[in-house]
Amino acid sequence: MTAIARPVAAPRATAWNGPVTSYYLLVGSAGLLLSIGLVMVLSSSTVDSLSATQGATPYSIFVNQARYALIGLPVAWLASRMPLRFYRAIAWPALGVAVMLQLLVFTPLGLDHGGNRNWIAIGGFTAQPSEVLKLALAVWLGTVLATKRALLHQWLHVLVPGVVVAIGAIGLVLLGDDLGTALVIIALVAGALFVAGVPMRMFVVAGAVAAVAVVQLAQSSSNRVTRITAFFSPDCDTASTCYQTQRGLYALASGGWTGVGLGQGREKWSYLPEAHNDFIFAVIGEELGLLGTVLVILLFAVLAVAMIRVIRRHPDPMVQVATAGIATWILGQALVNIGVVIGVLPVIGLPLPLVSAGGSALVTTLVALGVVVSFARSEPGAAEALTARPGAVRRSLAVLGRRRSHG
């Protein structure tokens, strides 16, 4: 008797390879990071708020951060609903506006902060134009490099206009003496070029040139030279140059596994400079312990997985390149910030995305993630799946309603 061949069932789609997985990973991880950030800004800024308001209120810094979150979330939602053709259409105008805003830094509207002239003040609000420049440059690189993708094996087509414009944007930031932000933009450009398909031989040459340029720029500032040499010195003065790094390590060490308790940290009492900003990760370690810091790192890892999924699954080269630029910007900045706090990198003054206090950085990061969410919504099958969900919910509620009426 011959065996009857049974048809092989097609592999069932799992939640992991579903069309909306990237969407939910992005929204979930970003939302949790924002929530943790707001809570930790409140906890770490009370002392500085009391000092700034002469004892009037301990909530001024938190209220300011919450206000920017309330501004950024609707704009991010709007960005997540825009179609791809919208981002292609605004790529050049957005870059032009961002460059003009960056040029305002060198006018009477410009402000100095921490030795950098990278801020502008308009109508009582302060903003950092370089944050807008990051997002505009990522979208612009996605549009331009996707158009020239078949020609990117030639030096000329890589340089013009992509690299030339990127160097100009980096130069404007460096004119304000903000090396940290310039390094983030360099990483953004490198990520976009890599995903666009630029040959590795060009990366080797460009990397060597960039390394020489960074060394020269670092040596051009006595403050930078002091911080870098102190970092590599075995007997750095912990009462002066290495004071901030040392206090950050104290905070992490005192937190143990589970922390001293939310709001119970001691380093924020004017011991640790920039506790609510660049060194907020140290306060997380002190108050929430190793478990709290690992949670933050895992959420950034989930964000990375989500953006890599968008790059791998989306068929549009513009989406792939722009997402790569945004991913290297946000994740690279997070890695550098955490590296500074744990003492493996010298202090260069970069906040932790979505978590540190800072209005313009928070709004721009939220909008950038909104752009990536828009890309995730246009993955193959995602739009149909997301459209079908509300109908399923309504049907479920209708069934429940009928059951209750019969009961």
Protein backbone atom coordinates (compact mmCIF):
# COMPACT_ATOMS: atom_id res chain seq x y z
CA MET A 1 0.00 0.00 0.00
CA THR A 2 1.45 3.28 -1.04
CA ALA A 3 1.51 6.14 1.42
CA ILE A 4 -0.62 9.12 0.60
CA ALA A 5 1.46 12.28 0.49
CA ARG A 6 0.05 15.00 2.69
CA PRO A 7 0.31 18.58 1.57
CA VAL A 8 2.94 20.52 3.46
CA ALA A 9 1.35 23.34 5.41
CA ALA A 10 2.75 26.78 4.80
CA PRO A 11 4.70 28.15 7.76
CA ARG A 12 2.47 30.23 9.99
CA ALA A 13 3.36 33.86 10.42
CA THR A 14 4.47 34.60 13.95
CA ALA A 15 4.23 37.83 15.86
CA TRP A 16 7.95 38.37 15.40
CA ASN A 17 7.90 38.38 11.60
CA GLY A 18 4.52 40.11 11.38
CA PRO A 19 4.15 43.27 9.33
CA VAL A 20 3.51 45.53 12.35
CA THR A 21 6.25 44.24 14.67
CA SER A 22 8.62 47.11 13.84
CA TYR A 23 5.82 49.61 14.50
CA TYR A 24 5.02 48.27 17.96
CA LEU A 25 8.67 47.84 18.95
CA LEU A 26 9.36 51.45 18.01
CA VAL A 27 6.35 52.91 19.77
CA GLY A 28 6.73 50.73 22.85
CA SER A 29 10.46 51.22 23.47
CA ALA A 30 10.38 54.96 22.73
CA GLY A 31 7.34 55.44 24.96
CA LEU A 32 8.97 53.59 27.86
CA LEU A 33 12.24 55.51 27.48
CA LEU A 34 10.34 58.80 27.46
CA SER A 35 8.39 57.80 30.57
CA ILE A 36 11.54 56.75 32.42
CA GLY A 37 13.19 59.99 31.32
CA LEU A 38 10.41 62.19 32.67
CA VAL A 39 10.40 60.35 36.01
CA MET A 40 14.17 60.56 36.35
CA VAL A 41 14.30 64.23 35.32
CA LEU A 42 11.80 64.93 38.10
CA SER A 43 13.85 62.95 40.59
CA SER A 44 17.28 64.29 39.61
CA SER A 45 16.41 67.97 39.08
CA THR A 46 14.62 68.96 42.28
CA VAL A 47 17.71 70.40 43.95
CA ASP A 48 18.77 72.38 40.87
CA SER A 49 15.18 73.60 40.46
CA LEU A 50 15.14 74.89 44.04
CA SER A 51 18.45 76.63 43.46
CA ALA A 52 17.32 78.19 40.17
CA THR A 53 14.04 79.46 41.60
CA GLN A 54 15.55 80.49 44.96
CA GLY A 55 13.51 77.87 46.82
CA ALA A 56 10.20 78.69 45.15
CA THR A 57 9.57 75.33 43.49
CA PRO A 58 11.40 72.00 43.06
CA TYR A 59 9.59 71.23 39.79
CA SER A 60 10.67 73.95 37.34
CA ILE A 61 13.07 71.77 35.31
CA PHE A 62 10.63 68.87 35.23
CA VAL A 63 7.73 71.12 34.17
CA ASN A 64 9.88 72.50 31.35
CA GLN A 65 10.78 68.98 30.21
CA ALA A 66 7.15 67.85 30.40
CA ARG A 67 6.11 70.88 28.37
CA TYR A 68 8.53 69.96 25.60
CA ALA A 69 7.30 66.36 25.71
CA LEU A 70 3.73 67.62 25.23
CA ILE A 71 4.96 69.65 22.26
CA GLY A 72 6.98 66.82 20.77
CA LEU A 73 4.44 64.01 21.04
CA PRO A 74 1.73 65.56 18.79
CA VAL A 75 4.35 66.58 16.23
CA ALA A 76 5.82 63.07 16.33
CA TRP A 77 2.34 61.60 15.85
CA LEU A 78 1.80 63.88 12.85
CA ALA A 79 5.20 62.86 11.43
CA SER A 80 4.24 59.20 11.83
CA ARG A 81 1.16 59.74 9.65
CA MET A 82 2.94 61.45 6.75
CA PRO A 83 3.44 59.43 3.54
CA LEU A 84 6.86 58.80 2.00
CA ARG A 85 6.24 61.28 -0.80
CA PHE A 86 5.94 64.02 1.82
CA TYR A 87 9.48 63.38 3.12
CA ARG A 88 10.87 63.26 -0.40
CA ALA A 89 9.20 66.59 -1.16
CA ILE A 90 10.49 68.40 1.94
CA ALA A 91 14.03 66.99 1.96
CA TRP A 92 15.71 69.96 0.26
CA PRO A 93 13.57 72.72 1.86
CA ALA A 94 13.98 71.16 5.33
CA LEU A 95 17.76 71.06 4.96
CA GLY A 96 17.78 74.69 3.82
CA VAL A 97 15.72 75.78 6.84
CA ALA A 98 17.96 73.78 9.20
CA VAL A 99 21.10 75.40 7.78
CA MET A 100 19.56 78.86 8.14
CA LEU A 101 18.68 78.12 11.78
CA GLN A 102 22.23 76.95 12.42
CA LEU A 103 23.57 80.18 10.93
CA LEU A 104 21.49 82.14 13.47
CA VAL A 105 23.88 80.85 16.12
CA PHE A 106 26.44 83.37 14.84
CA THR A 107 24.03 86.31 15.08
CA PRO A 108 23.02 88.27 18.19
CA LEU A 109 20.40 85.56 18.74
CA GLY A 110 23.15 83.04 19.46
CA LEU A 111 23.98 81.91 23.00
CA ASP A 112 27.05 80.36 24.61
CA HIS A 113 26.51 77.33 26.82
CA GLY A 114 29.24 75.19 28.34
CA GLY A 115 31.88 76.69 26.07
CA ASN A 116 29.83 76.00 22.92
CA ARG A 117 27.98 78.53 20.81
CA ASN A 118 25.26 76.23 19.59
CA TRP A 119 22.04 77.78 20.91
CA ILE A 120 19.63 80.50 19.85
CA ALA A 121 17.10 82.44 21.91
CA ILE A 122 13.84 83.57 20.28
CA GLY A 123 10.86 84.97 22.17
CA GLY A 124 11.93 83.64 25.54
CA PHE A 125 12.62 80.14 24.20
CA THR A 126 16.06 78.64 23.69
CA ALA A 127 16.71 75.98 21.07
CA GLN A 128 19.63 74.03 19.66
CA PRO A 129 19.48 74.27 15.85
CA SER A 130 21.97 71.43 15.39
CA GLU A 131 19.27 69.02 16.58
CA VAL A 132 17.03 70.07 13.70
CA LEU A 133 20.04 69.83 11.40
CA LYS A 134 20.53 66.16 12.33
CA LEU A 135 16.98 65.20 11.34
CA ALA A 136 16.95 67.29 8.17
CA LEU A 137 20.30 65.86 7.09
CA ALA A 138 19.14 62.26 7.65
CA VAL A 139 16.02 62.73 5.50
CA TRP A 140 17.98 64.65 2.87
CA LEU A 141 20.69 61.97 2.67
CA GLY A 142 18.00 59.32 2.30
CA THR A 143 16.48 61.15 -0.64
CA VAL A 144 19.73 61.99 -2.41
CA LEU A 145 21.64 58.75 -1.87
CA ALA A 146 18.64 56.63 -2.84
CA THR A 147 18.43 58.52 -6.13
CA LYS A 148 22.13 57.97 -6.85
CA ARG A 149 22.42 54.48 -5.40
CA ALA A 150 23.51 52.84 -8.65
CA LEU A 151 26.35 55.38 -9.01
CA LEU A 152 27.76 55.30 -5.47
CA HIS A 153 30.73 53.15 -6.49
CA GLN A 154 32.20 56.31 -8.05
CA TRP A 155 33.97 58.86 -5.86
CA LEU A 156 32.44 61.87 -7.56
CA HIS A 157 28.86 60.74 -7.03
CA VAL A 158 29.55 59.97 -3.37
CA LEU A 159 31.13 63.38 -2.80
CA VAL A 160 28.61 65.47 -4.73
CA PRO A 161 26.27 66.46 -3.31
CA GLY A 162 26.07 64.10 -0.32
CA VAL A 163 29.46 64.30 1.38
CA VAL A 164 30.08 67.92 0.38
CA VAL A 165 26.82 69.10 1.94
CA ALA A 166 27.38 66.92 5.01
CA ILE A 167 30.85 68.41 5.52
CA GLY A 168 29.34 71.87 5.25
CA ALA A 169 26.75 71.02 7.93
CA ILE A 170 29.43 69.57 10.20
CA GLY A 171 31.58 72.65 9.65
CA LEU A 172 28.77 74.95 10.79
CA VAL A 173 28.46 72.96 14.02
CA LEU A 174 32.20 73.02 14.56
CA LEU A 175 32.27 76.78 14.11
CA GLY A 176 30.20 76.86 17.29
CA ASP A 177 32.90 74.74 18.96
CA ASP A 178 30.53 71.79 19.54
CA LEU A 179 32.73 68.78 18.80
CA GLY A 180 30.37 66.29 20.48
CA THR A 181 27.43 67.12 18.21
CA ALA A 182 29.74 67.14 15.19
CA LEU A 183 30.87 63.59 16.02
CA VAL A 184 27.23 62.47 16.20
CA ILE A 185 26.55 64.00 12.77
CA ILE A 186 29.64 62.25 11.38
CA ALA A 187 28.24 58.94 12.68
CA LEU A 188 24.86 59.78 11.13
CA VAL A 189 26.45 60.41 7.73
CA ALA A 190 28.56 57.25 7.98
CA GLY A 191 25.51 55.12 8.79
CA ALA A 192 23.57 56.56 5.86
CA LEU A 193 26.47 56.02 3.43
CA PHE A 194 27.03 52.45 4.64
CA VAL A 195 23.42 51.38 4.11
CA ALA A 196 23.33 53.25 0.79
CA GLY A 197 26.03 50.86 -0.45
CA VAL A 198 29.18 53.00 -0.55
CA PRO A 199 32.20 50.65 -1.05
CA MET A 200 34.34 49.87 2.00
CA ARG A 201 37.50 51.24 0.36
CA MET A 202 35.92 54.68 0.46
CA PHE A 203 35.07 54.23 4.13
CA VAL A 204 38.70 53.38 4.92
CA VAL A 205 39.96 56.55 3.26
CA ALA A 206 37.20 58.71 4.72
CA GLY A 207 37.74 57.19 8.19
CA ALA A 208 41.45 58.01 8.10
CA VAL A 209 40.76 61.59 7.02
CA ALA A 210 38.05 61.98 9.68
CA ALA A 211 40.34 60.60 12.40
CA VAL A 212 43.07 63.11 11.54
CA ALA A 213 40.52 65.94 11.47
CA VAL A 214 39.06 64.96 14.86
CA VAL A 215 42.51 64.85 16.44
CA GLN A 216 43.33 68.27 15.07
CA LEU A 217 40.02 69.69 16.29
CA ALA A 218 40.49 68.16 19.73
CA GLN A 219 43.93 69.77 19.96
CA SER A 220 42.56 73.16 18.94
CA SER A 221 40.78 73.59 22.31
CA SER A 222 42.70 73.67 25.58
CA ASN A 223 39.57 72.52 27.42
CA ARG A 224 39.26 69.43 25.22
CA VAL A 225 42.97 68.66 25.53
CA THR A 226 42.72 68.85 29.31
CA ARG A 227 39.73 66.52 29.45
CA ILE A 228 41.23 63.97 27.06
CA THR A 229 44.67 63.89 28.67
CA ALA A 230 43.05 63.66 32.10
CA PHE A 231 40.99 60.69 30.95
CA PHE A 232 44.13 58.77 29.96
CA SER A 233 46.08 59.87 33.01
CA PRO A 234 46.34 57.25 35.81
CA ASP A 235 46.38 59.93 38.51
CA CYS A 236 43.69 62.32 37.30
CA ASP A 237 42.67 65.00 39.80
CA THR A 238 39.32 63.78 41.10
CA ALA A 239 38.74 67.10 42.82
CA SER A 240 38.97 69.03 39.57
CA THR A 241 39.20 67.66 36.01
CA CYS A 242 37.89 64.16 36.78
CA TYR A 243 35.44 65.27 39.45
CA GLN A 244 32.32 64.75 37.36
CA THR A 245 33.35 61.31 36.14
CA GLN A 246 34.28 60.26 39.67
CA ARG A 247 30.96 61.39 41.12
CA GLY A 248 29.12 59.54 38.37
CA LEU A 249 30.97 56.34 39.24
CA TYR A 250 30.17 56.89 42.91
CA ALA A 251 26.48 57.12 42.03
CA LEU A 252 26.58 53.90 39.99
CA ALA A 253 28.53 52.05 42.68
CA SER A 254 26.23 53.09 45.51
CA GLY A 255 23.13 51.87 43.68
CA GLY A 256 23.97 48.19 43.88
CA TRP A 257 21.50 45.76 42.30
CA THR A 258 18.21 47.51 43.02
CA GLY A 259 19.23 51.07 43.92
CA VAL A 260 18.71 53.23 46.99
CA GLY A 261 15.15 54.02 45.93
CA LEU A 262 13.50 56.46 43.54
CA GLY A 263 14.08 59.99 44.76
CA GLN A 264 16.50 58.84 47.48
CA GLY A 265 19.75 59.46 45.59
CA ARG A 266 22.43 61.60 47.21
CA GLU A 267 24.65 62.59 44.28
CA LYS A 268 21.98 64.95 42.84
CA TRP A 269 22.36 67.14 45.94
CA SER A 270 24.85 69.36 44.11
CA TYR A 271 27.59 66.70 44.16
CA LEU A 272 27.16 65.48 40.59
CA PRO A 273 27.19 68.21 37.90
CA GLU A 274 24.55 67.90 35.15
CA ALA A 275 22.71 65.20 37.12
CA HIS A 276 19.47 65.74 35.17
CA ASN A 277 21.22 66.11 31.82
CA ASP A 278 24.43 64.45 30.60
CA PHE A 279 24.84 62.29 33.74
CA ILE A 280 21.24 61.22 34.30
CA PHE A 281 22.28 57.61 33.63
CA ALA A 282 24.37 57.79 36.82
CA VAL A 283 21.30 58.88 38.80
CA ILE A 284 19.34 55.98 37.29
CA GLY A 285 22.08 53.63 38.48
CA GLU A 286 22.06 55.12 41.96
CA GLU A 287 18.30 55.18 42.50
CA LEU A 288 17.18 52.17 40.44
CA GLY A 289 20.37 50.15 40.62
CA LEU A 290 21.91 47.85 38.07
CA LEU A 291 18.45 46.58 37.14
CA GLY A 292 17.38 50.12 36.21
CA THR A 293 20.42 50.75 34.03
CA VAL A 294 20.06 47.37 32.32
CA LEU A 295 16.41 48.15 31.59
CA VAL A 296 17.38 51.41 29.89
CA ILE A 297 20.06 49.65 27.85
CA LEU A 298 17.62 46.91 26.84
CA LEU A 299 15.07 49.49 25.70
CA PHE A 300 17.69 51.12 23.48
CA ALA A 301 18.52 47.63 22.18
CA VAL A 302 14.84 47.09 21.31
CA LEU A 303 14.84 50.46 19.55
CA ALA A 304 17.90 49.32 17.58
CA VAL A 305 16.25 46.03 16.59
CA ALA A 306 13.14 47.88 15.44
CA MET A 307 15.07 50.30 13.23
CA ILE A 308 17.21 47.49 11.80
CA ARG A 309 13.98 45.66 10.94
CA VAL A 310 12.73 48.71 9.06
CA ILE A 311 16.00 48.91 7.12
CA ARG A 312 15.92 45.20 6.23
CA ARG A 313 12.21 44.86 5.47
CA HIS A 314 11.33 48.08 3.67
CA PRO A 315 11.74 47.97 -0.12
CA ASP A 316 12.35 51.72 -0.55
CA PRO A 317 16.05 52.72 -0.56
CA MET A 318 15.19 56.21 0.69
CA VAL A 319 13.61 54.71 3.81
CA GLN A 320 16.59 52.42 4.37
CA VAL A 321 19.16 55.21 4.16
CA ALA A 322 17.19 57.76 6.20
CA THR A 323 16.44 55.20 8.92
CA ALA A 324 20.11 54.25 9.07
CA GLY A 325 21.07 57.89 9.59
CA ILE A 326 18.50 58.36 12.36
CA ALA A 327 19.49 55.06 13.99
CA THR A 328 23.22 55.84 14.12
CA TRP A 329 22.43 59.31 15.46
CA ILE A 330 20.16 58.21 18.34
CA LEU A 331 21.82 54.92 19.22
CA GLY A 332 25.35 56.24 18.73
CA GLN A 333 24.63 59.19 21.00
CA ALA A 334 23.16 56.85 23.62
CA LEU A 335 26.25 54.63 23.52
CA VAL A 336 28.57 57.61 23.87
CA ASN A 337 26.58 59.05 26.78
CA ILE A 338 26.56 55.74 28.64
CA GLY A 339 30.25 55.24 27.87
CA VAL A 340 31.06 58.64 29.37
CA VAL A 341 29.06 57.95 32.53
CA ILE A 342 30.66 54.54 33.16
CA GLY A 343 34.10 56.01 32.57
CA VAL A 344 35.20 54.35 29.33
CA LEU A 345 35.06 57.59 27.29
CA PRO A 346 36.13 61.16 28.08
CA VAL A 347 33.42 63.69 28.89
CA ILE A 348 32.19 65.35 25.68
CA GLY A 349 28.78 66.69 26.75
CA LEU A 350 26.15 64.61 24.96
CA PRO A 351 22.73 63.93 26.54
CA LEU A 352 21.01 60.54 26.68
CA PRO A 353 18.28 60.60 23.99
CA LEU A 354 14.69 60.63 25.30
CA VAL A 355 15.92 60.47 28.90
CA SER A 356 18.11 63.52 29.64
CA ALA A 357 16.61 66.95 30.21
CA GLY A 358 16.72 69.19 27.15
CA GLY A 359 13.81 70.61 25.23
CA SER A 360 15.00 70.90 21.63
CA ALA A 361 16.82 67.55 21.80
CA LEU A 362 13.70 65.82 23.14
CA VAL A 363 11.35 67.33 20.55
CA THR A 364 13.66 66.57 17.63
CA THR A 365 14.33 63.01 18.78
CA LEU A 366 10.60 62.36 19.13
CA VAL A 367 9.95 63.74 15.65
CA ALA A 368 12.81 61.66 14.22
CA LEU A 369 11.28 58.53 15.74
CA GLY A 370 7.91 59.64 14.36
CA VAL A 371 9.50 59.66 10.90
CA VAL A 372 10.79 56.11 11.41
CA VAL A 373 7.34 55.04 12.67
CA SER A 374 5.91 56.43 9.43
CA PHE A 375 8.39 54.25 7.55
CA ALA A 376 7.41 51.22 9.66
CA ARG A 377 3.74 51.85 8.87
CA SER A 378 4.58 51.56 5.17
CA GLU A 379 6.38 48.22 5.45
CA PRO A 380 4.83 45.53 3.24
CA GLY A 381 1.50 44.55 4.77
CA ALA A 382 1.75 46.97 7.70
CA ALA A 383 -0.84 49.46 6.50
CA GLU A 384 -3.42 46.73 5.92
CA ALA A 385 -2.74 45.13 9.30
CA LEU A 386 -3.00 48.43 11.15
CA THR A 387 -6.20 49.33 9.31
CA ALA A 388 -7.79 45.99 10.17
CA ARG A 389 -7.06 46.28 13.90
CA PRO A 390 -9.69 48.91 14.81
CA GLY A 391 -12.37 46.89 13.03
CA ALA A 392 -11.48 43.78 15.02
CA VAL A 393 -11.62 45.77 18.24
CA ARG A 394 -15.03 47.20 17.39
CA ARG A 395 -16.35 43.71 16.58
CA SER A 396 -15.05 42.38 19.88
CA LEU A 397 -16.72 45.19 21.80
CA ALA A 398 -19.96 44.57 19.92
CA VAL A 399 -19.88 40.88 20.87
CA LEU A 400 -19.25 41.76 24.51
CA GLY A 401 -22.12 44.23 24.40
CA ARG A 402 -24.53 41.60 23.05
CA ARG A 403 -23.49 39.11 25.69
CA ARG A 404 -24.11 41.62 28.46
CA SER A 405 -27.53 42.51 27.08
CA HIS A 406 -28.53 38.84 26.95
CA GLY A 407 -27.19 38.29 30.45
